[in-house]
Protein backbone atom coordinates (compact mmCIF):
# COMPACT_ATOMS: atom_id res chain seq x y z
CA UNK A 1 0.00 0.00 0.00
CA UNK A 2 1.33 3.44 -0.92
CA UNK A 3 0.63 6.88 0.53
CA UNK A 4 -0.72 9.79 -1.47
CA UNK A 5 0.78 13.24 -1.37
CA UNK A 6 -1.27 14.13 1.71
CA UNK A 7 -0.20 10.87 3.46
CA UNK A 8 -3.52 9.08 3.03
CA UNK A 9 -3.32 5.37 2.19
CA UNK A 10 -4.12 4.19 -1.33
CA UNK A 11 -4.37 0.72 -2.83
CA UNK A 12 -2.06 1.61 -5.70
CA UNK A 13 1.41 0.04 -5.47
CA UNK A 14 4.27 2.16 -4.25
CA UNK A 15 6.35 3.01 -7.29
CA UNK A 16 9.20 4.82 -5.56
CA UNK A 17 12.40 3.85 -7.30
CA UNK A 18 14.79 1.40 -5.67
CA UNK A 19 18.08 2.99 -4.73
CA UNK A 20 20.72 2.01 -7.27
CA UNK A 21 23.25 -0.54 -6.12
CA UNK A 22 26.79 0.60 -5.47
CA UNK A 23 28.15 -0.91 -8.67
CA UNK A 24 25.78 1.28 -10.68
CA UNK A 25 26.68 4.40 -8.68
CA UNK A 26 30.47 4.13 -8.76
CA UNK A 27 32.80 3.94 -11.74
CA UNK A 28 33.71 0.31 -12.51
CA UNK A 29 37.32 1.41 -13.02
CA UNK A 30 37.50 2.45 -9.35
CA UNK A 31 35.61 -0.62 -8.15
CA UNK A 32 38.33 -2.74 -9.77
CA UNK A 33 41.06 -1.09 -7.66
CA UNK A 34 41.73 -2.84 -4.33
CA UNK A 35 43.26 0.36 -2.92
CA UNK A 36 40.07 2.30 -3.72
CA UNK A 37 37.89 -0.38 -2.13
CA UNK A 38 40.15 -0.74 0.93
CA UNK A 39 40.18 3.03 1.43
CA UNK A 40 36.42 3.29 1.16
CA UNK A 41 35.83 0.34 3.50
CA UNK A 42 38.33 1.88 5.94
CA UNK A 43 36.35 5.14 5.96
CA UNK A 44 33.14 3.25 6.73
CA UNK A 45 34.76 1.30 9.58
CA UNK A 46 36.56 4.37 10.89
CA UNK A 47 33.31 6.35 10.99
CA UNK A 48 31.59 3.53 12.93
CA UNK A 49 34.45 3.27 15.43
CA UNK A 50 34.73 7.03 15.94
CA UNK A 51 30.99 7.30 16.61
CA UNK A 52 31.06 4.38 19.07
CA UNK A 53 34.00 5.86 20.98
CA UNK A 54 32.42 9.32 20.99
CA UNK A 55 29.44 7.87 22.87
CA UNK A 56 31.95 6.93 25.60
CA UNK A 57 33.61 10.34 25.74
CA UNK A 58 36.81 9.43 23.91
CA UNK A 59 38.33 9.91 20.49
CA UNK A 60 40.19 7.36 18.40
CA UNK A 61 43.69 8.57 19.43
CA UNK A 62 42.68 8.14 23.09
CA UNK A 63 41.58 4.56 22.42
CA UNK A 64 44.77 3.92 20.45
CA UNK A 65 46.86 5.07 23.43
CA UNK A 66 44.96 2.82 25.83
CA UNK A 67 45.16 -0.12 23.42
CA UNK A 68 48.88 0.40 22.80
CA UNK A 69 49.67 0.53 26.50
CA UNK A 70 47.37 -2.43 27.17
CA UNK A 71 49.09 -4.50 24.46
CA UNK A 72 52.72 -3.46 25.03
CA UNK A 73 52.79 -2.37 28.66
CA UNK A 74 54.45 0.84 29.85
CA UNK A 75 56.38 2.62 27.10
CA UNK A 76 58.54 5.67 26.66
CA UNK A 77 56.38 8.48 25.30
CA UNK A 78 58.32 8.70 22.00
CA UNK A 79 58.09 4.93 21.50
CA UNK A 80 54.34 5.00 22.06
CA UNK A 81 54.01 7.75 19.44
CA UNK A 82 56.10 5.78 16.97
CA UNK A 83 54.21 2.52 17.51
CA UNK A 84 50.86 4.27 17.06
CA UNK A 85 52.02 6.31 14.08
CA UNK A 86 51.15 9.54 15.88
CA UNK A 87 53.01 12.82 15.73
CA UNK A 88 55.01 13.04 18.97
CA UNK A 89 53.81 16.57 19.75
CA UNK A 90 50.17 15.57 19.17
CA UNK A 91 50.61 12.59 21.48
CA UNK A 92 51.43 14.93 24.36
CA UNK A 93 48.01 16.60 24.06
CA UNK A 94 46.19 13.28 23.83
CA UNK A 95 48.09 12.01 26.88
CA UNK A 96 47.15 15.14 28.80
CA UNK A 97 43.48 14.41 28.12
CA UNK A 98 43.54 10.75 29.17
CA UNK A 99 45.76 11.56 32.16
CA UNK A 100 43.14 14.09 33.34
CA UNK A 101 40.63 11.21 33.29
CA UNK A 102 43.07 9.11 35.39
CA UNK A 103 43.38 6.51 32.61
CA UNK A 104 47.17 6.80 32.27
CA UNK A 105 50.04 8.16 34.31
CA UNK A 106 53.44 9.46 33.27
CA UNK A 107 56.67 9.14 35.16
CA UNK A 108 60.34 9.68 34.54
CA UNK A 109 62.12 6.64 33.13
CA UNK A 110 64.44 5.48 35.95
CA UNK A 111 67.06 4.40 33.38
CA UNK A 112 67.00 7.72 31.51
CA UNK A 113 65.60 10.69 33.43
CA UNK A 114 65.15 12.66 30.17
CA UNK A 115 62.39 10.29 29.07
CA UNK A 116 58.79 10.04 30.17
CA UNK A 117 57.26 6.58 30.52
CA UNK A 118 53.52 6.15 30.15
CA UNK A 119 51.45 3.38 31.73
CA UNK A 120 47.80 2.52 32.21
CA UNK A 121 46.26 3.12 35.59
CA UNK A 122 43.87 0.57 37.10
CA UNK A 123 41.01 2.76 35.85
CA UNK A 124 42.63 2.81 32.41
CA UNK A 125 42.83 -0.99 32.33
CA UNK A 126 39.15 -1.25 33.24
CA UNK A 127 38.15 1.37 30.67
CA UNK A 128 40.22 -0.35 27.98
CA UNK A 129 38.39 -3.64 28.53
CA UNK A 130 35.05 -1.82 28.15
CA UNK A 131 36.23 0.01 25.03
CA UNK A 132 37.52 -3.16 23.38
CA UNK A 133 33.98 -4.51 23.52
CA UNK A 134 32.63 -1.23 22.10
CA UNK A 135 35.18 -1.35 19.28
CA UNK A 136 34.44 -5.01 18.54
CA UNK A 137 30.70 -4.29 18.33
CA UNK A 138 31.21 -1.30 16.01
CA UNK A 139 33.37 -3.39 13.69
CA UNK A 140 30.98 -6.36 13.76
CA UNK A 141 28.10 -4.03 12.88
CA UNK A 142 29.89 -2.45 9.94
CA UNK A 143 30.99 -5.87 8.65
CA UNK A 144 27.59 -7.48 9.26
CA UNK A 145 27.17 -8.38 5.57
CA UNK A 146 30.13 -10.77 5.89
CA UNK A 147 30.08 -14.18 7.53
CA UNK A 148 32.43 -14.84 10.42
CA UNK A 149 34.72 -16.78 8.07
CA UNK A 150 34.73 -13.96 5.54
CA UNK A 151 35.55 -11.42 8.27
CA UNK A 152 38.45 -13.55 9.49
CA UNK A 153 39.74 -13.92 5.92
CA UNK A 154 39.48 -10.18 5.33
CA UNK A 155 41.37 -9.42 8.56
CA UNK A 156 44.06 -12.01 7.77
CA UNK A 157 44.65 -10.61 4.29
CA UNK A 158 44.74 -6.99 5.45
CA UNK A 159 47.08 -7.88 8.33
CA UNK A 160 49.43 -9.59 5.87
CA UNK A 161 49.63 -6.43 3.75
CA UNK A 162 50.25 -4.23 6.81
CA UNK A 163 52.91 -6.62 8.15
CA UNK A 164 54.69 -6.69 4.79
CA UNK A 165 54.66 -2.89 4.66
CA UNK A 166 55.99 -2.66 8.24
CA UNK A 167 58.82 -5.05 7.37
CA UNK A 168 59.70 -3.05 4.26
CA UNK A 169 59.67 0.22 6.21
CA UNK A 170 62.01 -1.22 8.84
CA UNK A 171 64.45 -2.96 6.50
CA UNK A 172 67.66 -1.32 5.34
CA UNK A 173 67.48 0.33 1.94
CA UNK A 174 68.55 -1.81 -1.01
CA UNK A 175 71.74 -0.87 -2.83
CA UNK A 176 70.89 0.20 -6.36
CA UNK A 177 73.44 -1.18 -8.83
Foldseek 3Di string as FASTA:
>chain_A
DDADPVRDDDPDDDPDDDDDDPPVVDDVVLVVDPVSVVVVLVVLLQVLLQVLVVVVVDGPVLLLLLVLCVVPNKDWLVVSCVVSVHDSVVSVVSVVVVVVVQQKDWDADPVHRVIIIIHGDPVNVVVNVVSVVSSVVSNCVSVVVDDPVRVVVVVVVVVVVVVVVVVVVPDDDDDDD
